């Protein structure tokens, strides 16, 4: 992901903000490497264990959590 993002930034000569959302352990590296990482809760409302204060936590599980997080990041009402 980072190599492609770096190439895209260089091609457009601008720094793009990288946003990543995920809900499980296989998403941890992506969440930590993004400029804005969001951990989405599991369907029971619990979070996969990730001890990184830079990674935000979504308020809702599943698609509702993804949607509300993106709206919050982009200040959409």
PDB file of N, CA and C in Angstrom:
ATOM      1  N   UNK A   1       0.820  -1.190   0.000  1.00  0.00           N
ATOM      2  CA  UNK A   1       0.000   0.000   0.000  1.00  0.00           C
ATOM      3  C   UNK A   1       0.864   1.254   0.000  1.00  0.00           C
ATOM      4  N   UNK A   2       1.898   1.272   0.830  1.00  0.00           N
ATOM      5  CA  UNK A   2       2.687   2.490   0.943  1.00  0.00           C
ATOM      6  C   UNK A   2       3.453   2.805  -0.325  1.00  0.00           C
ATOM      7  N   UNK A   3       3.969   1.802  -1.006  1.00  0.00           N
ATOM      8  CA  UNK A   3       4.702   2.054  -2.235  1.00  0.00           C
ATOM      9  C   UNK A   3       3.797   2.683  -3.289  1.00  0.00           C
ATOM     10  N   UNK A   4       2.619   2.136  -3.477  1.00  0.00           N
ATOM     11  CA  UNK A   4       1.665   2.672  -4.444  1.00  0.00           C
ATOM     12  C   UNK A   4       1.240   4.086  -4.046  1.00  0.00           C
ATOM     13  N   UNK A   5       0.969   4.304  -2.772  1.00  0.00           N
ATOM     14  CA  UNK A   5       0.571   5.635  -2.305  1.00  0.00           C
ATOM     15  C   UNK A   5       1.697   6.642  -2.539  1.00  0.00           C
ATOM     16  N   UNK A   6       2.936   6.234  -2.264  1.00  0.00           N
ATOM     17  CA  UNK A   6       4.090   7.110  -2.491  1.00  0.00           C
ATOM     18  C   UNK A   6       4.218   7.464  -3.978  1.00  0.00           C
ATOM     19  N   UNK A   7       4.048   6.482  -4.845  1.00  0.00           N
ATOM     20  CA  UNK A   7       4.124   6.735  -6.293  1.00  0.00           C
ATOM     21  C   UNK A   7       3.019   7.703  -6.723  1.00  0.00           C
ATOM     22  N   UNK A   8       1.824   7.534  -6.191  1.00  0.00           N
ATOM     23  CA  UNK A   8       0.695   8.406  -6.521  1.00  0.00           C
ATOM     24  C   UNK A   8       0.983   9.839  -6.067  1.00  0.00           C
ATOM     25  N   UNK A   9       1.534   9.993  -4.852  1.00  0.00           N
ATOM     26  CA  UNK A   9       1.897  11.315  -4.346  1.00  0.00           C
ATOM     27  C   UNK A   9       2.932  11.983  -5.256  1.00  0.00           C
ATOM     28  N   UNK A  10       3.952  11.220  -5.638  1.00  0.00           N
ATOM     29  CA  UNK A  10       4.999  11.777  -6.497  1.00  0.00           C
ATOM     30  C   UNK A  10       4.454  12.152  -7.872  1.00  0.00           C
ATOM     31  N   UNK A  11       3.610  11.319  -8.436  1.00  0.00           N
ATOM     32  CA  UNK A  11       3.053  11.580  -9.763  1.00  0.00           C
ATOM     33  C   UNK A  11       2.236  12.868  -9.764  1.00  0.00           C
ATOM     34  N   UNK A  12       1.463  13.087  -8.717  1.00  0.00           N
ATOM     35  CA  UNK A  12       0.604  14.271  -8.637  1.00  0.00           C
ATOM     36  C   UNK A  12       1.281  15.437  -7.916  1.00  0.00           C
ATOM     37  N   UNK A  13       2.500  15.202  -7.420  1.00  0.00           N
ATOM     38  CA  UNK A  13       3.289  16.217  -6.732  1.00  0.00           C
ATOM     39  C   UNK A  13       2.511  16.836  -5.560  1.00  0.00           C
ATOM     40  N   UNK A  14       1.848  15.982  -4.810  1.00  0.00           N
ATOM     41  CA  UNK A  14       1.088  16.429  -3.641  1.00  0.00           C
ATOM     42  C   UNK A  14       1.005  15.272  -2.642  1.00  0.00           C
ATOM     43  N   UNK A  15       0.921  15.589  -1.361  1.00  0.00           N
ATOM     44  CA  UNK A  15       0.791  14.564  -0.321  1.00  0.00           C
ATOM     45  C   UNK A  15      -0.684  14.282  -0.089  1.00  0.00           C
ATOM     46  N   UNK A  16      -1.099  13.061  -0.379  1.00  0.00           N
ATOM     47  CA  UNK A  16      -2.477  12.634  -0.150  1.00  0.00           C
ATOM     48  C   UNK A  16      -2.578  12.000   1.230  1.00  0.00           C
ATOM     49  N   UNK A  17      -3.701  12.177   1.870  1.00  0.00           N
ATOM     50  CA  UNK A  17      -3.947  11.559   3.166  1.00  0.00           C
ATOM     51  C   UNK A  17      -4.473  10.150   2.948  1.00  0.00           C
ATOM     52  N   UNK A  18      -3.814   9.201   3.584  1.00  0.00           N
ATOM     53  CA  UNK A  18      -4.218   7.804   3.453  1.00  0.00           C
ATOM     54  C   UNK A  18      -5.089   7.413   4.643  1.00  0.00           C
ATOM     55  N   UNK A  19      -6.298   6.911   4.340  1.00  0.00           N
ATOM     56  CA  UNK A  19      -7.262   6.502   5.359  1.00  0.00           C
ATOM     57  C   UNK A  19      -7.450   5.003   5.249  1.00  0.00           C
ATOM     58  N   UNK A  20      -7.425   4.322   6.397  1.00  0.00           N
ATOM     59  CA  UNK A  20      -7.643   2.874   6.414  1.00  0.00           C
ATOM     60  C   UNK A  20      -8.642   2.537   7.509  1.00  0.00           C
ATOM     61  N   UNK A  21      -9.563   1.645   7.200  1.00  0.00           N
ATOM     62  CA  UNK A  21     -10.534   1.159   8.177  1.00  0.00           C
ATOM     63  C   UNK A  21     -10.484  -0.356   8.195  1.00  0.00           C
ATOM     64  N   UNK A  22     -10.572  -0.930   9.363  1.00  0.00           N
ATOM     65  CA  UNK A  22     -10.551  -2.385   9.479  1.00  0.00           C
ATOM     66  C   UNK A  22     -11.070  -2.820  10.828  1.00  0.00           C
ATOM     67  N   UNK A  23     -11.332  -4.126  10.967  1.00  0.00           N
ATOM     68  CA  UNK A  23     -11.922  -4.609  12.209  1.00  0.00           C
ATOM     69  C   UNK A  23     -11.223  -5.827  12.811  1.00  0.00           C
ATOM     70  N   UNK A  24     -10.134  -6.261  12.214  1.00  0.00           N
ATOM     71  CA  UNK A  24      -9.512  -7.483  12.737  1.00  0.00           C
ATOM     72  C   UNK A  24      -7.986  -7.403  12.715  1.00  0.00           C
ATOM     73  N   UNK A  25      -7.369  -8.408  13.297  1.00  0.00           N
ATOM     74  CA  UNK A  25      -5.917  -8.434  13.445  1.00  0.00           C
ATOM     75  C   UNK A  25      -5.177  -8.330  12.112  1.00  0.00           C
ATOM     76  N   UNK A  26      -5.747  -8.875  11.046  1.00  0.00           N
ATOM     77  CA  UNK A  26      -5.045  -8.801   9.765  1.00  0.00           C
ATOM     78  C   UNK A  26      -5.037  -7.376   9.195  1.00  0.00           C
ATOM     79  N   UNK A  27      -5.770  -6.452   9.804  1.00  0.00           N
ATOM     80  CA  UNK A  27      -5.810  -5.055   9.360  1.00  0.00           C
ATOM     81  C   UNK A  27      -4.843  -4.159  10.135  1.00  0.00           C
ATOM     82  N   UNK A  28      -4.202  -4.673  11.182  1.00  0.00           N
ATOM     83  CA  UNK A  28      -3.406  -3.843  12.078  1.00  0.00           C
ATOM     84  C   UNK A  28      -2.304  -3.066  11.375  1.00  0.00           C
ATOM     85  N   UNK A  29      -1.529  -3.716  10.543  1.00  0.00           N
ATOM     86  CA  UNK A  29      -0.433  -3.028   9.859  1.00  0.00           C
ATOM     87  C   UNK A  29      -0.972  -1.902   8.992  1.00  0.00           C
ATOM     88  N   UNK A  30      -2.036  -2.181   8.262  1.00  0.00           N
ATOM     89  CA  UNK A  30      -2.649  -1.157   7.403  1.00  0.00           C
ATOM     90  C   UNK A  30      -3.115   0.032   8.246  1.00  0.00           C
ATOM     91  N   UNK A  31      -3.777  -0.224   9.363  1.00  0.00           N
ATOM     92  CA  UNK A  31      -4.282   0.845  10.220  1.00  0.00           C
ATOM     93  C   UNK A  31      -3.150   1.687  10.788  1.00  0.00           C
ATOM     94  N   UNK A  32      -2.065   1.045  11.166  1.00  0.00           N
ATOM     95  CA  UNK A  32      -0.933   1.753  11.753  1.00  0.00           C
ATOM     96  C   UNK A  32      -0.141   2.546  10.715  1.00  0.00           C
ATOM     97  N   UNK A  33      -0.124   2.097   9.487  1.00  0.00           N
ATOM     98  CA  UNK A  33       0.637   2.774   8.439  1.00  0.00           C
ATOM     99  C   UNK A  33      -0.129   3.939   7.809  1.00  0.00           C
ATOM    100  N   UNK A  34      -1.434   3.944   7.934  1.00  0.00           N
ATOM    101  CA  UNK A  34      -2.249   5.005   7.336  1.00  0.00           C
ATOM    102  C   UNK A  34      -2.070   6.314   8.105  1.00  0.00           C
ATOM    103  N   UNK A  35      -2.356   7.413   7.441  1.00  0.00           N
ATOM    104  CA  UNK A  35      -2.352   8.707   8.126  1.00  0.00           C
ATOM    105  C   UNK A  35      -3.499   8.758   9.137  1.00  0.00           C
ATOM    106  N   UNK A  36      -4.632   8.175   8.768  1.00  0.00           N
ATOM    107  CA  UNK A  36      -5.794   8.068   9.652  1.00  0.00           C
ATOM    108  C   UNK A  36      -6.241   6.615   9.635  1.00  0.00           C
ATOM    109  N   UNK A  37      -6.076   5.938  10.752  1.00  0.00           N
ATOM    110  CA  UNK A  37      -6.503   4.549  10.874  1.00  0.00           C
ATOM    111  C   UNK A  37      -7.710   4.464  11.791  1.00  0.00           C
ATOM    112  N   UNK A  38      -8.705   3.675  11.397  1.00  0.00           N
ATOM    113  CA  UNK A  38      -9.921   3.530  12.202  1.00  0.00           C
ATOM    114  C   UNK A  38     -10.191   2.045  12.433  1.00  0.00           C
ATOM    115  N   UNK A  39     -10.257   1.664  13.698  1.00  0.00           N
ATOM    116  CA  UNK A  39     -10.605   0.296  14.069  1.00  0.00           C
ATOM    117  C   UNK A  39     -12.113   0.238  14.275  1.00  0.00           C
ATOM    118  N   UNK A  40     -12.787  -0.602  13.509  1.00  0.00           N
ATOM    119  CA  UNK A  40     -14.239  -0.752  13.569  1.00  0.00           C
ATOM    120  C   UNK A  40     -14.555  -1.895  14.534  1.00  0.00           C
ATOM    121  N   UNK A  41     -15.529  -1.696  15.440  1.00  0.00           N
ATOM    122  CA  UNK A  41     -15.849  -2.777  16.376  1.00  0.00           C
ATOM    123  C   UNK A  41     -16.458  -3.984  15.668  1.00  0.00           C
ATOM    124  N   UNK A  42     -16.332  -5.115  16.320  1.00  0.00           N
ATOM    125  CA  UNK A  42     -16.945  -6.344  15.819  1.00  0.00           C
ATOM    126  C   UNK A  42     -18.460  -6.258  16.028  1.00  0.00           C
ATOM    127  N   UNK A  43     -19.197  -7.204  15.469  1.00  0.00           N
ATOM    128  CA  UNK A  43     -20.660  -7.160  15.539  1.00  0.00           C
ATOM    129  C   UNK A  43     -21.206  -7.168  16.961  1.00  0.00           C
ATOM    130  N   UNK A  44     -20.451  -7.710  17.915  1.00  0.00           N
ATOM    131  CA  UNK A  44     -20.920  -7.718  19.303  1.00  0.00           C
ATOM    132  C   UNK A  44     -20.545  -6.434  20.049  1.00  0.00           C
ATOM    133  N   UNK A  45     -19.900  -5.483  19.334  1.00  0.00           N
ATOM    134  CA  UNK A  45     -19.519  -4.201  19.924  1.00  0.00           C
ATOM    135  C   UNK A  45     -18.127  -4.172  20.522  1.00  0.00           C
ATOM    136  N   UNK A  46     -17.482  -5.325  20.629  1.00  0.00           N
ATOM    137  CA  UNK A  46     -16.121  -5.361  21.162  1.00  0.00           C
ATOM    138  C   UNK A  46     -15.116  -5.028  20.049  1.00  0.00           C
ATOM    139  N   UNK A  47     -13.905  -4.694  20.465  1.00  0.00           N
ATOM    140  CA  UNK A  47     -12.842  -4.375  19.519  1.00  0.00           C
ATOM    141  C   UNK A  47     -11.782  -5.468  19.539  1.00  0.00           C
ATOM    142  N   UNK A  48     -11.222  -5.757  18.396  1.00  0.00           N
ATOM    143  CA  UNK A  48     -10.037  -6.611  18.349  1.00  0.00           C
ATOM    144  C   UNK A  48      -8.942  -5.891  19.122  1.00  0.00           C
ATOM    145  N   UNK A  49      -8.101  -6.627  19.856  1.00  0.00           N
ATOM    146  CA  UNK A  49      -7.075  -5.958  20.664  1.00  0.00           C
ATOM    147  C   UNK A  49      -6.016  -5.288  19.787  1.00  0.00           C
ATOM    148  N   UNK A  50      -5.944  -3.989  19.892  1.00  0.00           N
ATOM    149  CA  UNK A  50      -4.925  -3.212  19.182  1.00  0.00           C
ATOM    150  C   UNK A  50      -4.539  -2.065  20.101  1.00  0.00           C
ATOM    151  N   UNK A  51      -3.321  -2.086  20.583  1.00  0.00           N
ATOM    152  CA  UNK A  51      -2.861  -1.076  21.528  1.00  0.00           C
ATOM    153  C   UNK A  51      -2.054  -0.013  20.791  1.00  0.00           C
ATOM    154  N   UNK A  52      -2.754   0.881  20.104  1.00  0.00           N
ATOM    155  CA  UNK A  52      -2.110   1.971  19.382  1.00  0.00           C
ATOM    156  C   UNK A  52      -3.001   3.201  19.518  1.00  0.00           C
ATOM    157  N   UNK A  53      -2.556   4.163  20.267  1.00  0.00           N
ATOM    158  CA  UNK A  53      -3.354   5.365  20.550  1.00  0.00           C
ATOM    159  C   UNK A  53      -3.608   6.209  19.298  1.00  0.00           C
ATOM    160  N   UNK A  54      -2.823   6.011  18.240  1.00  0.00           N
ATOM    161  CA  UNK A  54      -3.018   6.783  17.000  1.00  0.00           C
ATOM    162  C   UNK A  54      -4.195   6.275  16.186  1.00  0.00           C
ATOM    163  N   UNK A  55      -4.603   5.049  16.424  1.00  0.00           N
ATOM    164  CA  UNK A  55      -5.710   4.452  15.676  1.00  0.00           C
ATOM    165  C   UNK A  55      -7.018   4.814  16.378  1.00  0.00           C
ATOM    166  N   UNK A  56      -7.912   5.442  15.625  1.00  0.00           N
ATOM    167  CA  UNK A  56      -9.220   5.837  16.150  1.00  0.00           C
ATOM    168  C   UNK A  56     -10.118   4.617  16.271  1.00  0.00           C
ATOM    169  N   UNK A  57     -11.172   4.741  17.062  1.00  0.00           N
ATOM    170  CA  UNK A  57     -12.141   3.656  17.192  1.00  0.00           C
ATOM    171  C   UNK A  57     -13.505   4.142  16.719  1.00  0.00           C
ATOM    172  N   UNK A  58     -14.106   3.394  15.814  1.00  0.00           N
ATOM    173  CA  UNK A  58     -15.432   3.737  15.296  1.00  0.00           C
ATOM    174  C   UNK A  58     -16.468   3.537  16.394  1.00  0.00           C
ATOM    175  N   UNK A  59     -17.570   4.260  16.281  1.00  0.00           N
ATOM    176  CA  UNK A  59     -18.629   4.183  17.285  1.00  0.00           C
ATOM    177  C   UNK A  59     -19.537   2.975  17.084  1.00  0.00           C
ATOM    178  N   UNK A  60     -19.642   2.497  15.858  1.00  0.00           N
ATOM    179  CA  UNK A  60     -20.597   1.434  15.528  1.00  0.00           C
ATOM    180  C   UNK A  60     -19.889   0.293  14.793  1.00  0.00           C
ATOM    181  N   UNK A  61     -20.416  -0.911  14.886  1.00  0.00           N
ATOM    182  CA  UNK A  61     -19.846  -2.040  14.138  1.00  0.00           C
ATOM    183  C   UNK A  61     -20.292  -2.048  12.680  1.00  0.00           C
ATOM    184  N   UNK A  62     -19.587  -2.828  11.879  1.00  0.00           N
ATOM    185  CA  UNK A  62     -19.968  -3.083  10.494  1.00  0.00           C
ATOM    186  C   UNK A  62     -20.050  -1.844   9.618  1.00  0.00           C
ATOM    187  N   UNK A  63     -20.882  -1.907   8.578  1.00  0.00           N
ATOM    188  CA  UNK A  63     -20.997  -0.811   7.620  1.00  0.00           C
ATOM    189  C   UNK A  63     -21.387   0.524   8.255  1.00  0.00           C
ATOM    190  N   UNK A  64     -22.202   0.480   9.309  1.00  0.00           N
ATOM    191  CA  UNK A  64     -22.588   1.728   9.971  1.00  0.00           C
ATOM    192  C   UNK A  64     -21.357   2.407  10.586  1.00  0.00           C
ATOM    193  N   UNK A  65     -20.450   1.613  11.138  1.00  0.00           N
ATOM    194  CA  UNK A  65     -19.221   2.161  11.707  1.00  0.00           C
ATOM    195  C   UNK A  65     -18.306   2.744  10.650  1.00  0.00           C
ATOM    196  N   UNK A  66     -18.207   2.051   9.514  1.00  0.00           N
ATOM    197  CA  UNK A  66     -17.385   2.560   8.409  1.00  0.00           C
ATOM    198  C   UNK A  66     -17.965   3.881   7.904  1.00  0.00           C
ATOM    199  N   UNK A  67     -19.267   3.890   7.672  1.00  0.00           N
ATOM    200  CA  UNK A  67     -19.931   5.073   7.126  1.00  0.00           C
ATOM    201  C   UNK A  67     -19.818   6.265   8.077  1.00  0.00           C
ATOM    202  N   UNK A  68     -20.121   6.060   9.347  1.00  0.00           N
ATOM    203  CA  UNK A  68     -20.066   7.176  10.296  1.00  0.00           C
ATOM    204  C   UNK A  68     -18.634   7.690  10.468  1.00  0.00           C
ATOM    205  N   UNK A  69     -17.659   6.800  10.423  1.00  0.00           N
ATOM    206  CA  UNK A  69     -16.257   7.217  10.562  1.00  0.00           C
ATOM    207  C   UNK A  69     -15.810   8.061   9.376  1.00  0.00           C
ATOM    208  N   UNK A  70     -16.143   7.628   8.183  1.00  0.00           N
ATOM    209  CA  UNK A  70     -15.766   8.405   6.988  1.00  0.00           C
ATOM    210  C   UNK A  70     -16.459   9.765   7.006  1.00  0.00           C
ATOM    211  N   UNK A  71     -17.729   9.807   7.375  1.00  0.00           N
ATOM    212  CA  UNK A  71     -18.438  11.088   7.463  1.00  0.00           C
ATOM    213  C   UNK A  71     -17.789  12.001   8.474  1.00  0.00           C
ATOM    214  N   UNK A  72     -17.362  11.428   9.606  1.00  0.00           N
ATOM    215  CA  UNK A  72     -16.700  12.212  10.637  1.00  0.00           C
ATOM    216  C   UNK A  72     -15.369  12.761  10.138  1.00  0.00           C
ATOM    217  N   UNK A  73     -14.587  11.914   9.460  1.00  0.00           N
ATOM    218  CA  UNK A  73     -13.283  12.343   8.944  1.00  0.00           C
ATOM    219  C   UNK A  73     -13.440  13.482   7.938  1.00  0.00           C
ATOM    220  N   UNK A  74     -14.451  13.387   7.086  1.00  0.00           N
ATOM    221  CA  UNK A  74     -14.666  14.405   6.062  1.00  0.00           C
ATOM    222  C   UNK A  74     -15.635  15.497   6.488  1.00  0.00           C
ATOM    223  N   UNK A  75     -16.041  15.474   7.767  1.00  0.00           N
ATOM    224  CA  UNK A  75     -16.946  16.495   8.320  1.00  0.00           C
ATOM    225  C   UNK A  75     -18.246  16.599   7.523  1.00  0.00           C
ATOM    226  N   UNK A  76     -18.811  15.439   7.208  1.00  0.00           N
ATOM    227  CA  UNK A  76     -20.087  15.386   6.470  1.00  0.00           C
ATOM    228  C   UNK A  76     -21.198  15.132   7.476  1.00  0.00           C
ATOM    229  N   UNK A  77     -22.298  15.837   7.324  1.00  0.00           N
ATOM    230  CA  UNK A  77     -23.421  15.613   8.244  1.00  0.00           C
ATOM    231  C   UNK A  77     -24.491  14.784   7.611  1.00  0.00           C
TER     232      UNK A  77
END
